[in-house]
Amino acid sequence: MMLESERLILRPWRPSDAEALYRCARSERVGPRAGWPVHTSVEMSAEVIRTVFSEPETWAVVRKGSAEPIGCVGLVPAAAHHYAGIAPGEREIGYWMGEEHWGRGYAPEAVGRLVVRCREELSVGRLWITLREENRNSRRVAEKCGFSLFDTVPNSDGGRMSVFVATSGKPAPRAGCRLNSRSRKDPAQANRAVRPVLIGMRGRRLP
């Protein structure tokens, strides 16, 4: 199965994509911004394709007229959502693009296509995006795709995580998801309120 947009094809990852993935993921400006480690070998990239990128609704982003992936977009598995307030029937979207393809509108185009699939084909309810507070590029992508900032909370590495939601109306805070003033001062409370931000777009530790 493939998804198509104006300039892109979204398709499942293949074992033969390992070298292309490595060329993107070896950059220190890609993985760490998204919360996963730099790839150190083609073999590491091949393992990520075999395990992490084999999850359903994980798509290689490919330009039309090319066979080589330039990034990835997908749905985080429900059991690995990075924000504790995501309810059953709602999903989190993750995405990244290779550094040489930044600034060309590919990320919002890919995310936008997945949003259409979620709403028209998968009957997903509310959609979410979580990202590191300092990741301004990803924030712009979320905003271009109709997501609005809902919360900013601590993450597991001592930084801050911005939580964006796409909905017709801003959701009411849920118990155990939005941090109150006490939890912001108490790291133990914060850790109970927000699930740890795991390594990798799909919420699984990379090798």
C-alpha atoms as a PDB file:
ATOM      1  CA  MET A   1       0.000   0.000   0.000  1.00  0.00           C
ATOM      2  CA  MET A   2       1.149   3.553  -0.754  1.00  0.00           C
ATOM      3  CA  LEU A   3      -0.138   7.037   0.068  1.00  0.00           C
ATOM      4  CA  GLU A   4       0.296   9.855  -2.415  1.00  0.00           C
ATOM      5  CA  SER A   5       0.475  13.641  -2.096  1.00  0.00           C
ATOM      6  CA  GLU A   6       1.427  16.338  -4.578  1.00  0.00           C
ATOM      7  CA  ARG A   7       5.170  15.662  -4.487  1.00  0.00           C
ATOM      8  CA  LEU A   8       5.552  12.622  -2.264  1.00  0.00           C
ATOM      9  CA  ILE A   9       4.886   8.918  -1.960  1.00  0.00           C
ATOM     10  CA  LEU A  10       4.500   7.391   1.498  1.00  0.00           C
ATOM     11  CA  ARG A  11       5.244   3.674   1.462  1.00  0.00           C
ATOM     12  CA  PRO A  12       6.330   0.963   3.916  1.00  0.00           C
ATOM     13  CA  TRP A  13      10.021   0.754   4.736  1.00  0.00           C
ATOM     14  CA  ARG A  14      12.049  -1.960   2.970  1.00  0.00           C
ATOM     15  CA  PRO A  15      15.269  -3.735   3.973  1.00  0.00           C
ATOM     16  CA  SER A  16      16.906  -2.205   0.902  1.00  0.00           C
ATOM     17  CA  ASP A  17      16.341   1.275   2.398  1.00  0.00           C
ATOM     18  CA  ALA A  18      19.057   0.785   5.030  1.00  0.00           C
ATOM     19  CA  GLU A  19      21.758   2.804   3.264  1.00  0.00           C
ATOM     20  CA  ALA A  20      19.392   5.686   2.507  1.00  0.00           C
ATOM     21  CA  LEU A  21      18.217   5.707   6.120  1.00  0.00           C
ATOM     22  CA  TYR A  22      21.781   5.743   7.360  1.00  0.00           C
ATOM     23  CA  ARG A  23      22.674   8.719   5.159  1.00  0.00           C
ATOM     24  CA  CYS A  24      19.852  10.688   6.809  1.00  0.00           C
ATOM     25  CA  ALA A  25      20.109   9.373  10.349  1.00  0.00           C
ATOM     26  CA  ARG A  26      23.894   9.713  10.783  1.00  0.00           C
ATOM     27  CA  SER A  27      23.502  13.490  11.055  1.00  0.00           C
ATOM     28  CA  GLU A  28      23.792  14.872  14.577  1.00  0.00           C
ATOM     29  CA  ARG A  29      21.138  17.439  13.683  1.00  0.00           C
ATOM     30  CA  VAL A  30      18.400  14.882  12.927  1.00  0.00           C
ATOM     31  CA  GLY A  31      18.015  12.132  15.539  1.00  0.00           C
ATOM     32  CA  PRO A  32      18.888  14.069  18.704  1.00  0.00           C
ATOM     33  CA  ARG A  33      16.298  16.741  17.854  1.00  0.00           C
ATOM     34  CA  ALA A  34      13.689  14.010  17.561  1.00  0.00           C
ATOM     35  CA  GLY A  35      14.826  12.166  20.691  1.00  0.00           C
ATOM     36  CA  TRP A  36      16.739   9.242  19.203  1.00  0.00           C
ATOM     37  CA  PRO A  37      20.473   8.573  18.805  1.00  0.00           C
ATOM     38  CA  VAL A  38      22.613   9.183  15.750  1.00  0.00           C
ATOM     39  CA  HIS A  39      22.915   6.069  13.581  1.00  0.00           C
ATOM     40  CA  THR A  40      26.482   4.828  13.563  1.00  0.00           C
ATOM     41  CA  SER A  41      26.320   2.215  10.806  1.00  0.00           C
ATOM     42  CA  VAL A  42      24.223   0.846   7.960  1.00  0.00           C
ATOM     43  CA  GLU A  43      23.707  -2.231  10.113  1.00  0.00           C
ATOM     44  CA  MET A  44      22.126  -0.128  12.847  1.00  0.00           C
ATOM     45  CA  SER A  45      19.797   1.450  10.300  1.00  0.00           C
ATOM     46  CA  ALA A  46      18.881  -1.993   8.959  1.00  0.00           C
ATOM     47  CA  GLU A  47      17.960  -3.124  12.475  1.00  0.00           C
ATOM     48  CA  VAL A  48      15.789  -0.053  12.993  1.00  0.00           C
ATOM     49  CA  ILE A  49      13.944  -0.837   9.752  1.00  0.00           C
ATOM     50  CA  ARG A  50      13.500  -4.451  10.842  1.00  0.00           C
ATOM     51  CA  THR A  51      12.138  -3.577  14.270  1.00  0.00           C
ATOM     52  CA  VAL A  52      11.018   0.020  14.862  1.00  0.00           C
ATOM     53  CA  PHE A  53       9.925   0.873  11.317  1.00  0.00           C
ATOM     54  CA  SER A  54       8.071  -2.409  10.852  1.00  0.00           C
ATOM     55  CA  GLU A  55       5.233  -1.135  13.053  1.00  0.00           C
ATOM     56  CA  PRO A  56       1.900  -0.489  11.288  1.00  0.00           C
ATOM     57  CA  GLU A  57       1.381   3.005   9.870  1.00  0.00           C
ATOM     58  CA  THR A  58       5.107   3.749   9.689  1.00  0.00           C
ATOM     59  CA  TRP A  59       5.844   5.296   6.308  1.00  0.00           C
ATOM     60  CA  ALA A  60       9.019   6.027   4.381  1.00  0.00           C
ATOM     61  CA  VAL A  61       8.744   9.456   2.749  1.00  0.00           C
ATOM     62  CA  VAL A  62       9.902   9.310  -0.879  1.00  0.00           C
ATOM     63  CA  ARG A  63       9.902  12.044  -3.507  1.00  0.00           C
ATOM     64  CA  LYS A  64       8.032  11.234  -6.684  1.00  0.00           C
ATOM     65  CA  GLY A  65      10.453  10.125  -9.361  1.00  0.00           C
ATOM     66  CA  SER A  66      12.881   8.750  -6.771  1.00  0.00           C
ATOM     67  CA  ALA A  67      13.094   5.448  -4.916  1.00  0.00           C
ATOM     68  CA  GLU A  68      15.113   6.722  -1.947  1.00  0.00           C
ATOM     69  CA  PRO A  69      13.505   7.704   1.379  1.00  0.00           C
ATOM     70  CA  ILE A  70      14.217  11.225   2.621  1.00  0.00           C
ATOM     71  CA  GLY A  71      12.408  10.919   5.949  1.00  0.00           C
ATOM     72  CA  CYS A  72       9.735   9.154   7.938  1.00  0.00           C
ATOM     73  CA  VAL A  73       6.212   9.824   9.200  1.00  0.00           C
ATOM     74  CA  GLY A  74       3.959   7.539  11.185  1.00  0.00           C
ATOM     75  CA  LEU A  75       1.694   6.802  14.118  1.00  0.00           C
ATOM     76  CA  VAL A  76       3.320   6.064  17.449  1.00  0.00           C
ATOM     77  CA  PRO A  77       1.994   2.741  18.810  1.00  0.00           C
ATOM     78  CA  ALA A  78      -0.803   3.378  21.275  1.00  0.00           C
ATOM     79  CA  ALA A  79       1.114   1.672  24.077  1.00  0.00           C
ATOM     80  CA  ALA A  80       4.087   4.013  23.559  1.00  0.00           C
ATOM     81  CA  HIS A  81       2.431   7.430  23.367  1.00  0.00           C
ATOM     82  CA  HIS A  82       4.706  10.076  24.857  1.00  0.00           C
ATOM     83  CA  TYR A  83       1.926  12.041  26.584  1.00  0.00           C
ATOM     84  CA  ALA A  84      -0.163  10.411  29.279  1.00  0.00           C
ATOM     85  CA  GLY A  85      -3.313  12.349  28.361  1.00  0.00           C
ATOM     86  CA  ILE A  86      -3.810  10.687  24.982  1.00  0.00           C
ATOM     87  CA  ALA A  87      -7.065   8.751  25.281  1.00  0.00           C
ATOM     88  CA  PRO A  88      -8.104   5.455  23.623  1.00  0.00           C
ATOM     89  CA  GLY A  89      -9.026   6.081  20.004  1.00  0.00           C
ATOM     90  CA  GLU A  90      -6.635   9.035  19.768  1.00  0.00           C
ATOM     91  CA  ARG A  91      -3.161   8.790  18.206  1.00  0.00           C
ATOM     92  CA  GLU A  92       0.199  10.528  18.217  1.00  0.00           C
ATOM     93  CA  ILE A  93       2.023  11.383  14.984  1.00  0.00           C
ATOM     94  CA  GLY A  94       5.827  11.331  14.737  1.00  0.00           C
ATOM     95  CA  TYR A  95       7.976  12.565  11.858  1.00  0.00           C
ATOM     96  CA  TRP A  96      11.458  13.617  10.752  1.00  0.00           C
ATOM     97  CA  MET A  97      13.241  14.587   7.539  1.00  0.00           C
ATOM     98  CA  GLY A  98      16.852  14.240   6.431  1.00  0.00           C
ATOM     99  CA  GLU A  99      18.774  17.473   6.962  1.00  0.00           C
ATOM    100  CA  GLU A 100      19.418  18.167   3.278  1.00  0.00           C
ATOM    101  CA  HIS A 101      15.666  18.162   2.675  1.00  0.00           C
ATOM    102  CA  TRP A 102      14.742  20.721   5.327  1.00  0.00           C
ATOM    103  CA  GLY A 103      13.012  23.918   4.301  1.00  0.00           C
ATOM    104  CA  ARG A 104      11.262  22.493   1.239  1.00  0.00           C
ATOM    105  CA  GLY A 105       7.869  21.773   2.774  1.00  0.00           C
ATOM    106  CA  TYR A 106       8.205  17.994   2.642  1.00  0.00           C
ATOM    107  CA  ALA A 107       7.503  17.420   6.342  1.00  0.00           C
ATOM    108  CA  PRO A 108       4.162  19.297   6.470  1.00  0.00           C
ATOM    109  CA  GLU A 109       3.153  17.676   3.192  1.00  0.00           C
ATOM    110  CA  ALA A 110       3.845  14.188   4.577  1.00  0.00           C
ATOM    111  CA  VAL A 111       2.210  14.884   7.933  1.00  0.00           C
ATOM    112  CA  GLY A 112      -0.788  16.447   6.192  1.00  0.00           C
ATOM    113  CA  ARG A 113      -1.267  13.336   4.075  1.00  0.00           C
ATOM    114  CA  LEU A 114      -1.168  11.097   7.137  1.00  0.00           C
ATOM    115  CA  VAL A 115      -3.671  13.355   8.901  1.00  0.00           C
ATOM    116  CA  VAL A 116      -6.059  12.883   5.961  1.00  0.00           C
ATOM    117  CA  ARG A 117      -5.643   9.111   6.203  1.00  0.00           C
ATOM    118  CA  CYS A 118      -6.279   9.153   9.950  1.00  0.00           C
ATOM    119  CA  ARG A 119      -9.483  11.116   9.569  1.00  0.00           C
ATOM    120  CA  GLU A 120     -10.918   9.653   6.373  1.00  0.00           C
ATOM    121  CA  GLU A 121      -9.695   6.060   6.404  1.00  0.00           C
ATOM    122  CA  LEU A 122      -8.728   5.083   9.967  1.00  0.00           C
ATOM    123  CA  SER A 123     -11.444   6.950  11.884  1.00  0.00           C
ATOM    124  CA  VAL A 124      -8.930   8.203  14.420  1.00  0.00           C
ATOM    125  CA  GLY A 125     -10.284  10.684  16.944  1.00  0.00           C
ATOM    126  CA  ARG A 126      -8.072  13.468  18.201  1.00  0.00           C
ATOM    127  CA  LEU A 127      -4.498  13.633  16.850  1.00  0.00           C
ATOM    128  CA  TRP A 128      -1.451  14.678  18.858  1.00  0.00           C
ATOM    129  CA  ILE A 129       2.180  15.605  18.266  1.00  0.00           C
ATOM    130  CA  THR A 130       4.871  15.733  20.956  1.00  0.00           C
ATOM    131  CA  LEU A 131       8.267  17.337  20.417  1.00  0.00           C
ATOM    132  CA  ARG A 132      11.175  18.813  22.279  1.00  0.00           C
ATOM    133  CA  GLU A 133      10.463  22.393  23.258  1.00  0.00           C
ATOM    134  CA  GLU A 134      13.602  23.662  21.512  1.00  0.00           C
ATOM    135  CA  ASN A 135      12.770  21.943  18.194  1.00  0.00           C
ATOM    136  CA  ARG A 136      11.405  24.976  16.372  1.00  0.00           C
ATOM    137  CA  ASN A 137      11.426  23.322  12.946  1.00  0.00           C
ATOM    138  CA  SER A 138       9.111  20.543  14.090  1.00  0.00           C
ATOM    139  CA  ARG A 139       6.934  23.070  15.867  1.00  0.00           C
ATOM    140  CA  ARG A 140       6.414  24.963  12.604  1.00  0.00           C
ATOM    141  CA  VAL A 141       5.464  21.704  10.876  1.00  0.00           C
ATOM    142  CA  ALA A 142       2.853  20.966  13.550  1.00  0.00           C
ATOM    143  CA  GLU A 143       1.386  24.460  13.283  1.00  0.00           C
ATOM    144  CA  LYS A 144       1.258  24.333   9.478  1.00  0.00           C
ATOM    145  CA  CYS A 145      -0.718  21.093   9.740  1.00  0.00           C
ATOM    146  CA  GLY A 146      -3.361  22.591  12.021  1.00  0.00           C
ATOM    147  CA  PHE A 147      -2.008  21.540  15.420  1.00  0.00           C
ATOM    148  CA  SER A 148      -2.117  23.938  18.356  1.00  0.00           C
ATOM    149  CA  LEU A 149       0.004  23.990  21.501  1.00  0.00           C
ATOM    150  CA  PHE A 150      -1.872  22.278  24.351  1.00  0.00           C
ATOM    151  CA  ASP A 151       0.746  21.862  27.051  1.00  0.00           C
ATOM    152  CA  THR A 152       4.459  22.050  27.869  1.00  0.00           C
ATOM    153  CA  VAL A 153       5.674  19.492  30.391  1.00  0.00           C
ATOM    154  CA  PRO A 154       8.933  17.980  31.698  1.00  0.00           C
ATOM    155  CA  ASN A 155      10.319  14.982  29.867  1.00  0.00           C
ATOM    156  CA  SER A 156      12.478  12.168  31.161  1.00  0.00           C
ATOM    157  CA  ASP A 157      15.867  13.707  30.263  1.00  0.00           C
ATOM    158  CA  GLY A 158      15.349  16.919  32.196  1.00  0.00           C
ATOM    159  CA  GLY A 159      14.231  18.969  29.206  1.00  0.00           C
ATOM    160  CA  ARG A 160      10.774  20.169  28.243  1.00  0.00           C
ATOM    161  CA  MET A 161       8.259  18.574  25.892  1.00  0.00           C
ATOM    162  CA  SER A 162       5.714  20.574  23.898  1.00  0.00           C
ATOM    163  CA  VAL A 163       2.387  18.849  23.302  1.00  0.00           C
ATOM    164  CA  PHE A 164       0.296  19.812  20.271  1.00  0.00           C
ATOM    165  CA  VAL A 165      -3.250  18.735  19.465  1.00  0.00           C
ATOM    166  CA  ALA A 166      -5.381  18.903  16.326  1.00  0.00           C
ATOM    167  CA  THR A 167      -9.079  19.135  17.110  1.00  0.00           C
ATOM    168  CA  SER A 168     -12.127  21.237  16.344  1.00  0.00           C
ATOM    169  CA  GLY A 169     -12.088  22.420  19.945  1.00  0.00           C
ATOM    170  CA  LYS A 170      -9.362  22.581  22.562  1.00  0.00           C
ATOM    171  CA  PRO A 171      -9.715  19.537  24.837  1.00  0.00           C
ATOM    172  CA  ALA A 172     -10.350  19.974  28.514  1.00  0.00           C
ATOM    173  CA  PRO A 173      -7.407  18.992  30.757  1.00  0.00           C
ATOM    174  CA  ARG A 174      -7.624  15.370  31.877  1.00  0.00           C
ATOM    175  CA  ALA A 175      -6.728  14.093  35.301  1.00  0.00           C
ATOM    176  CA  GLY A 176      -3.125  12.930  35.336  1.00  0.00           C
ATOM    177  CA  CYS A 177      -2.113  14.617  32.104  1.00  0.00           C
ATOM    178  CA  ARG A 178      -1.839  18.374  32.510  1.00  0.00           C
ATOM    179  CA  LEU A 179       0.606  19.328  35.219  1.00  0.00           C
ATOM    180  CA  ASN A 180      -0.521  21.669  37.976  1.00  0.00           C
ATOM    181  CA  SER A 181       1.713  24.122  39.830  1.00  0.00           C
ATOM    182  CA  ARG A 182       2.644  21.561  42.459  1.00  0.00           C
ATOM    183  CA  SER A 183       3.736  18.942  39.927  1.00  0.00           C
ATOM    184  CA  ARG A 184       5.858  21.478  38.042  1.00  0.00           C
ATOM    185  CA  LYS A 185       7.900  21.990  41.218  1.00  0.00           C
ATOM    186  CA  ASP A 186       8.015  18.324  42.159  1.00  0.00           C
ATOM    187  CA  PRO A 187       9.882  16.077  39.641  1.00  0.00           C
ATOM    188  CA  ALA A 188       8.365  12.963  41.193  1.00  0.00           C
ATOM    189  CA  GLN A 189       4.888  14.301  40.526  1.00  0.00           C
ATOM    190  CA  ALA A 190       5.908  15.255  36.998  1.00  0.00           C
ATOM    191  CA  ASN A 191       7.197  11.776  36.272  1.00  0.00           C
ATOM    192  CA  ARG A 192       3.894  10.282  37.361  1.00  0.00           C
ATOM    193  CA  ALA A 193       1.951  12.719  35.208  1.00  0.00           C
ATOM    194  CA  VAL A 194       3.910  12.298  31.975  1.00  0.00           C
ATOM    195  CA  ARG A 195       5.238   9.095  30.498  1.00  0.00           C
ATOM    196  CA  PRO A 196       8.966   9.126  29.754  1.00  0.00           C
ATOM    197  CA  VAL A 197       9.868  10.286  26.274  1.00  0.00           C
ATOM    198  CA  LEU A 198      11.367   7.108  24.870  1.00  0.00           C
ATOM    199  CA  ILE A 199      14.140   7.004  22.322  1.00  0.00           C
ATOM    200  CA  GLY A 200      12.974   6.801  18.727  1.00  0.00           C
ATOM    201  CA  MET A 201       9.987   8.128  16.847  1.00  0.00           C
ATOM    202  CA  ARG A 202       8.041   4.963  17.508  1.00  0.00           C
ATOM    203  CA  GLY A 203       8.588   5.069  21.237  1.00  0.00           C
ATOM    204  CA  ARG A 204      11.033   2.144  21.287  1.00  0.00           C
ATOM    205  CA  ARG A 205      14.716   2.126  22.158  1.00  0.00           C
ATOM    206  CA  LEU A 206      16.971   1.938  19.150  1.00  0.00           C
ATOM    207  CA  PRO A 207      19.912  -0.454  19.248  1.00  0.00           C
END
